[in-house]
N, C-alpha and C. Protein backbone atom coordinates (compact mmCIF):
# COMPACT_ATOMS: atom_id res chain seq x y z
N MET A 1 125.01 104.31 72.38
CA MET A 1 124.75 104.22 73.80
C MET A 1 123.38 103.59 74.05
N ARG A 2 122.35 103.99 73.29
CA ARG A 2 121.02 103.42 73.48
C ARG A 2 121.00 101.94 73.13
N ILE A 3 121.77 101.55 72.10
CA ILE A 3 121.81 100.15 71.71
C ILE A 3 122.43 99.32 72.83
N ALA A 4 123.50 99.82 73.41
CA ALA A 4 124.14 99.11 74.53
C ALA A 4 123.18 98.99 75.70
N ARG A 5 122.43 100.04 75.97
CA ARG A 5 121.47 100.04 77.08
C ARG A 5 120.36 99.02 76.81
N ALA A 6 119.88 98.97 75.56
CA ALA A 6 118.83 98.01 75.20
C ALA A 6 119.35 96.58 75.32
N ALA A 7 120.58 96.35 74.90
CA ALA A 7 121.17 95.02 75.01
C ALA A 7 121.32 94.62 76.48
N GLU A 8 121.72 95.57 77.31
CA GLU A 8 121.87 95.30 78.74
C GLU A 8 120.52 94.94 79.36
N GLN A 9 119.48 95.68 79.01
CA GLN A 9 118.14 95.41 79.53
C GLN A 9 117.64 94.04 79.07
N SER A 10 117.92 93.71 77.82
CA SER A 10 117.50 92.42 77.29
C SER A 10 118.20 91.28 78.03
N ALA A 11 119.50 91.42 78.25
CA ALA A 11 120.26 90.39 78.97
C ALA A 11 119.74 90.25 80.40
N LEU A 12 119.42 91.37 81.02
CA LEU A 12 118.89 91.35 82.38
C LEU A 12 117.55 90.62 82.43
N ALA A 13 116.68 90.91 81.47
CA ALA A 13 115.37 90.26 81.42
C ALA A 13 115.51 88.76 81.21
N GLN A 14 116.43 88.35 80.35
CA GLN A 14 116.64 86.94 80.10
C GLN A 14 117.23 86.23 81.30
N SER A 15 118.06 86.92 82.05
CA SER A 15 118.72 86.29 83.20
C SER A 15 117.76 85.97 84.32
N VAL A 16 116.66 86.71 84.42
CA VAL A 16 115.70 86.46 85.50
C VAL A 16 114.44 85.76 85.01
N GLY A 17 114.31 85.61 83.71
CA GLY A 17 113.11 84.98 83.15
C GLY A 17 112.97 83.53 83.58
N GLY A 18 111.77 83.17 83.99
CA GLY A 18 111.48 81.78 84.33
C GLY A 18 111.97 81.33 85.69
N LYS A 19 112.65 82.15 86.41
CA LYS A 19 113.14 81.76 87.74
C LYS A 19 112.13 82.18 88.79
N GLY A 20 111.94 81.34 89.79
CA GLY A 20 111.07 81.71 90.90
C GLY A 20 111.71 82.82 91.71
N ASN A 21 110.91 83.64 92.32
CA ASN A 21 111.45 84.71 93.13
C ASN A 21 111.59 84.21 94.56
N ARG A 22 112.82 84.06 95.02
CA ARG A 22 113.05 83.51 96.36
C ARG A 22 112.49 84.39 97.46
N VAL A 23 112.44 85.69 97.25
CA VAL A 23 111.90 86.58 98.28
C VAL A 23 110.43 86.27 98.52
N THR A 24 109.65 86.19 97.44
CA THR A 24 108.21 85.93 97.62
C THR A 24 107.97 84.52 98.12
N GLU A 25 108.80 83.57 97.71
CA GLU A 25 108.62 82.20 98.19
C GLU A 25 108.95 82.12 99.67
N GLU A 26 110.04 82.75 100.08
CA GLU A 26 110.45 82.69 101.48
C GLU A 26 109.43 83.35 102.39
N TYR A 27 108.92 84.50 101.99
CA TYR A 27 107.98 85.24 102.82
C TYR A 27 106.53 84.92 102.50
N ARG A 28 106.31 84.15 101.45
CA ARG A 28 104.96 83.75 101.03
C ARG A 28 104.03 84.97 100.91
N ILE A 29 104.44 85.92 100.10
CA ILE A 29 103.64 87.12 99.88
C ILE A 29 102.42 86.75 99.05
N ASP A 30 101.25 87.06 99.56
CA ASP A 30 100.00 86.83 98.84
C ASP A 30 99.74 88.06 97.97
N MET A 31 100.13 87.97 96.71
CA MET A 31 100.03 89.12 95.80
C MET A 31 98.59 89.58 95.60
N ALA A 32 97.62 88.70 95.83
CA ALA A 32 96.21 89.08 95.68
C ALA A 32 95.80 90.12 96.73
N ARG A 33 96.52 90.15 97.85
CA ARG A 33 96.19 91.08 98.93
C ARG A 33 97.04 92.36 98.89
N VAL A 34 97.90 92.46 97.90
CA VAL A 34 98.81 93.60 97.79
C VAL A 34 98.17 94.65 96.87
N PRO A 35 98.15 95.93 97.27
CA PRO A 35 97.57 96.97 96.41
C PRO A 35 98.27 97.04 95.05
N GLU A 36 97.52 97.46 94.06
CA GLU A 36 98.01 97.52 92.68
C GLU A 36 99.34 98.27 92.57
N GLU A 37 99.46 99.41 93.26
CA GLU A 37 100.69 100.20 93.13
C GLU A 37 101.93 99.46 93.65
N MET A 38 101.74 98.47 94.52
CA MET A 38 102.87 97.69 95.02
C MET A 38 103.09 96.41 94.20
N ARG A 39 102.18 96.13 93.25
CA ARG A 39 102.33 94.96 92.37
C ARG A 39 102.89 95.33 91.01
N LYS A 40 102.65 96.57 90.58
CA LYS A 40 103.08 97.00 89.25
C LYS A 40 104.61 97.11 89.22
N PRO A 41 105.28 96.34 88.33
CA PRO A 41 106.75 96.35 88.30
C PRO A 41 107.34 97.76 88.15
N LEU A 42 108.42 97.96 88.87
CA LEU A 42 109.11 99.25 88.92
C LEU A 42 110.59 98.99 88.62
N LEU A 43 111.15 99.77 87.69
CA LEU A 43 112.56 99.61 87.32
C LEU A 43 113.44 100.39 88.29
N LEU A 44 114.37 99.70 88.90
CA LEU A 44 115.36 100.36 89.75
C LEU A 44 116.57 100.63 88.87
N GLU A 45 116.50 101.74 88.15
CA GLU A 45 117.51 102.06 87.16
C GLU A 45 118.86 102.34 87.81
N GLY A 46 119.87 101.62 87.35
CA GLY A 46 121.22 101.80 87.88
C GLY A 46 121.45 101.11 89.21
N GLY A 47 120.43 100.43 89.73
CA GLY A 47 120.56 99.75 91.02
C GLY A 47 120.58 100.76 92.17
N PHE A 48 120.90 100.27 93.34
CA PHE A 48 120.95 101.13 94.53
C PHE A 48 121.94 100.54 95.51
N ASN A 49 122.74 101.40 96.10
CA ASN A 49 123.65 101.02 97.17
C ASN A 49 123.64 102.18 98.16
N GLY A 50 122.96 101.99 99.29
CA GLY A 50 122.86 103.09 100.24
C GLY A 50 122.07 102.71 101.47
N GLU A 51 121.57 103.73 102.16
CA GLU A 51 120.89 103.53 103.44
C GLU A 51 119.49 102.96 103.26
N LEU A 52 119.13 102.06 104.16
CA LEU A 52 117.81 101.43 104.18
C LEU A 52 116.69 102.47 104.15
N GLU A 53 116.76 103.45 105.04
CA GLU A 53 115.70 104.46 105.13
C GLU A 53 115.57 105.27 103.85
N VAL A 54 116.68 105.62 103.24
CA VAL A 54 116.66 106.38 101.99
C VAL A 54 116.01 105.55 100.89
N PHE A 55 116.37 104.27 100.82
CA PHE A 55 115.78 103.40 99.81
C PHE A 55 114.27 103.28 99.98
N LEU A 56 113.83 103.01 101.21
CA LEU A 56 112.40 102.83 101.44
C LEU A 56 111.61 104.13 101.25
N LYS A 57 112.23 105.26 101.55
CA LYS A 57 111.57 106.55 101.30
C LYS A 57 111.40 106.75 99.80
N SER A 58 112.42 106.43 99.03
CA SER A 58 112.32 106.54 97.57
C SER A 58 111.25 105.61 97.02
N LEU A 59 111.18 104.42 97.59
CA LEU A 59 110.18 103.43 97.15
C LEU A 59 108.76 103.93 97.43
N THR A 60 108.54 104.44 98.65
CA THR A 60 107.20 104.93 98.98
C THR A 60 106.83 106.16 98.15
N ASP A 61 107.80 107.01 97.86
CA ASP A 61 107.55 108.17 96.99
C ASP A 61 107.12 107.70 95.60
N ALA A 62 107.79 106.66 95.10
CA ALA A 62 107.51 106.16 93.75
C ALA A 62 106.10 105.58 93.62
N VAL A 63 105.58 105.00 94.70
CA VAL A 63 104.25 104.39 94.63
C VAL A 63 103.15 105.29 95.19
N GLY A 64 103.53 106.47 95.68
CA GLY A 64 102.54 107.42 96.18
C GLY A 64 102.10 107.18 97.61
N TRP A 65 102.89 106.46 98.37
CA TRP A 65 102.58 106.24 99.78
C TRP A 65 103.29 107.29 100.61
N VAL A 66 102.86 107.45 101.87
CA VAL A 66 103.54 108.38 102.78
C VAL A 66 104.90 107.79 103.15
N GLN A 67 105.76 108.64 103.70
CA GLN A 67 107.10 108.19 104.08
C GLN A 67 107.02 107.08 105.12
N PRO A 68 108.03 106.20 105.13
CA PRO A 68 108.05 105.12 106.13
C PRO A 68 108.07 105.69 107.55
N ILE A 69 107.44 104.97 108.45
CA ILE A 69 107.45 105.31 109.87
C ILE A 69 108.62 104.56 110.51
N VAL A 70 109.46 105.29 111.24
CA VAL A 70 110.63 104.69 111.89
C VAL A 70 110.33 104.54 113.37
N LEU A 71 110.47 103.32 113.87
CA LEU A 71 110.25 103.00 115.28
C LEU A 71 111.56 102.50 115.88
N GLY A 72 111.76 102.76 117.15
CA GLY A 72 112.98 102.31 117.81
C GLY A 72 114.11 103.30 117.60
N MET A 73 115.24 102.98 118.17
CA MET A 73 116.39 103.87 118.11
C MET A 73 117.25 103.53 116.89
N ARG A 74 117.50 104.54 116.07
CA ARG A 74 118.34 104.33 114.89
C ARG A 74 119.75 103.92 115.33
N PRO A 75 120.36 102.99 114.61
CA PRO A 75 121.74 102.62 114.94
C PRO A 75 122.70 103.78 114.64
N ALA A 76 123.84 103.78 115.30
CA ALA A 76 124.83 104.84 115.08
C ALA A 76 125.30 104.87 113.63
N THR A 77 125.41 103.70 113.04
CA THR A 77 125.78 103.58 111.63
C THR A 77 124.55 103.13 110.86
N PRO A 78 124.12 103.89 109.86
CA PRO A 78 122.91 103.52 109.11
C PRO A 78 123.03 102.12 108.49
N LEU A 79 121.91 101.42 108.42
CA LEU A 79 121.89 100.11 107.76
C LEU A 79 121.95 100.33 106.26
N MET A 80 122.78 99.55 105.60
CA MET A 80 122.98 99.69 104.16
C MET A 80 122.30 98.54 103.43
N VAL A 81 121.77 98.84 102.25
CA VAL A 81 121.18 97.83 101.38
C VAL A 81 121.74 98.01 99.98
N THR A 82 121.76 96.92 99.22
CA THR A 82 122.29 96.95 97.86
C THR A 82 121.36 96.17 96.95
N PHE A 83 121.05 96.77 95.81
CA PHE A 83 120.19 96.13 94.82
C PHE A 83 120.77 96.34 93.44
N THR A 84 120.65 95.33 92.59
CA THR A 84 121.05 95.48 91.20
C THR A 84 119.88 96.05 90.41
N GLU A 85 120.18 96.51 89.21
CA GLU A 85 119.12 97.07 88.37
C GLU A 85 118.19 95.94 87.94
N GLN A 86 116.94 96.07 88.30
CA GLN A 86 115.92 95.09 87.94
C GLN A 86 114.58 95.78 87.85
N ARG A 87 113.64 95.11 87.21
CA ARG A 87 112.25 95.57 87.17
C ARG A 87 111.45 94.55 87.98
N ARG A 88 110.96 94.99 89.14
CA ARG A 88 110.23 94.11 90.06
C ARG A 88 109.09 94.89 90.70
N PRO A 89 108.09 94.18 91.19
CA PRO A 89 107.05 94.86 91.96
C PRO A 89 107.65 95.48 93.23
N PRO A 90 107.22 96.67 93.61
CA PRO A 90 107.74 97.33 94.80
C PRO A 90 107.64 96.49 96.08
N ILE A 91 106.63 95.64 96.17
CA ILE A 91 106.51 94.79 97.36
C ILE A 91 107.72 93.86 97.48
N TYR A 92 108.27 93.42 96.34
CA TYR A 92 109.47 92.58 96.36
C TYR A 92 110.68 93.39 96.85
N TRP A 93 110.76 94.65 96.39
CA TRP A 93 111.87 95.50 96.83
C TRP A 93 111.81 95.69 98.35
N ALA A 94 110.61 95.94 98.88
CA ALA A 94 110.46 96.14 100.33
C ALA A 94 110.82 94.88 101.10
N ALA A 95 110.37 93.72 100.59
CA ALA A 95 110.69 92.45 101.26
C ALA A 95 112.19 92.20 101.24
N ASP A 96 112.82 92.48 100.11
CA ASP A 96 114.27 92.27 99.99
C ASP A 96 115.03 93.22 100.91
N ALA A 97 114.55 94.46 101.05
CA ALA A 97 115.19 95.42 101.96
C ALA A 97 115.12 94.90 103.40
N GLY A 98 113.98 94.36 103.77
CA GLY A 98 113.83 93.78 105.10
C GLY A 98 114.74 92.59 105.31
N TYR A 99 114.88 91.78 104.28
CA TYR A 99 115.77 90.62 104.35
C TYR A 99 117.21 91.08 104.56
N GLN A 100 117.62 92.12 103.83
CA GLN A 100 118.99 92.63 103.96
C GLN A 100 119.23 93.28 105.31
N ALA A 101 118.21 93.87 105.90
CA ALA A 101 118.35 94.50 107.22
C ALA A 101 118.61 93.45 108.29
N GLY A 102 118.17 92.24 108.04
CA GLY A 102 118.43 91.13 108.96
C GLY A 102 117.88 91.37 110.35
N ALA A 103 118.68 91.02 111.34
CA ALA A 103 118.26 91.13 112.74
C ALA A 103 118.33 92.56 113.27
N MET A 104 118.88 93.47 112.50
CA MET A 104 119.03 94.85 112.96
C MET A 104 117.73 95.65 112.90
N ALA A 105 116.83 95.27 111.97
CA ALA A 105 115.57 96.00 111.82
C ALA A 105 114.52 95.11 111.16
N ASP A 106 113.28 95.36 111.51
CA ASP A 106 112.15 94.70 110.85
C ASP A 106 111.51 95.70 109.92
N VAL A 107 111.30 95.29 108.68
CA VAL A 107 110.60 96.12 107.71
C VAL A 107 109.23 95.48 107.51
N THR A 108 108.18 96.23 107.82
CA THR A 108 106.82 95.72 107.73
C THR A 108 106.02 96.58 106.77
N VAL A 109 105.30 95.92 105.86
CA VAL A 109 104.43 96.63 104.93
C VAL A 109 103.00 96.39 105.38
N ASN A 110 102.31 97.47 105.74
CA ASN A 110 100.91 97.38 106.11
C ASN A 110 100.10 97.83 104.90
N THR A 111 99.56 96.84 104.17
CA THR A 111 98.85 97.17 102.93
C THR A 111 97.52 97.88 103.19
N SER A 112 96.91 97.64 104.34
CA SER A 112 95.65 98.32 104.67
C SER A 112 95.87 99.82 104.86
N LEU A 113 96.95 100.17 105.56
CA LEU A 113 97.27 101.58 105.81
C LEU A 113 98.08 102.20 104.67
N ARG A 114 98.57 101.34 103.77
CA ARG A 114 99.48 101.77 102.70
C ARG A 114 100.69 102.49 103.32
N GLN A 115 101.35 101.77 104.21
CA GLN A 115 102.44 102.34 104.99
C GLN A 115 103.52 101.28 105.21
N ILE A 116 104.77 101.73 105.21
CA ILE A 116 105.90 100.86 105.54
C ILE A 116 106.46 101.30 106.88
N PHE A 117 106.73 100.33 107.74
CA PHE A 117 107.30 100.58 109.06
C PHE A 117 108.70 99.98 109.12
N ILE A 118 109.62 100.73 109.70
CA ILE A 118 110.98 100.24 109.98
C ILE A 118 111.11 100.24 111.49
N ARG A 119 111.27 99.06 112.06
CA ARG A 119 111.41 98.95 113.52
C ARG A 119 112.84 98.48 113.81
N TYR A 120 113.64 99.41 114.35
CA TYR A 120 115.02 99.06 114.71
C TYR A 120 115.02 98.27 116.01
N GLN A 121 115.86 97.26 116.05
CA GLN A 121 116.00 96.44 117.25
C GLN A 121 116.91 97.17 118.23
N GLU A 122 116.74 96.87 119.50
CA GLU A 122 117.60 97.50 120.52
C GLU A 122 119.03 97.03 120.35
N ALA A 123 119.93 97.97 120.44
CA ALA A 123 121.35 97.62 120.38
C ALA A 123 121.76 97.01 121.70
N GLY A 124 122.62 96.02 121.64
CA GLY A 124 123.11 95.40 122.88
C GLY A 124 124.17 96.26 123.53
N GLY A 125 124.60 95.86 124.68
CA GLY A 125 125.68 96.58 125.35
C GLY A 125 125.18 97.46 126.47
N VAL A 126 126.06 98.33 126.95
CA VAL A 126 125.77 99.21 128.08
C VAL A 126 124.78 100.29 127.66
N ARG A 127 123.86 100.63 128.56
CA ARG A 127 122.88 101.68 128.26
C ARG A 127 123.21 102.93 129.02
């Protein structure tokens, strides 16, 4: 079992080696301004498929930050995010979560406050 796990990790590392990270390129994250705890690679063992808020809470717990602040009205159906097992800096995970949330929510990382904000957009329709 351990040999299979090691082979899987090796294949995963080779599959991402040498490729630019589209998340950081798209958002132009200045890693020099990101705190160390958000730059140090973190393994998302087994991947993740679940609610945005749950994922970001787990991420902030892992780096020692306070829980994310939620602004706006939560949607009736929680926003879902999906990640494969990878070892990446937590700032990349947060950026990718925001990308997956799309127009439904803005995910903002305030590195000065060491805080993540989730701002839900107003739902359309009758109020």
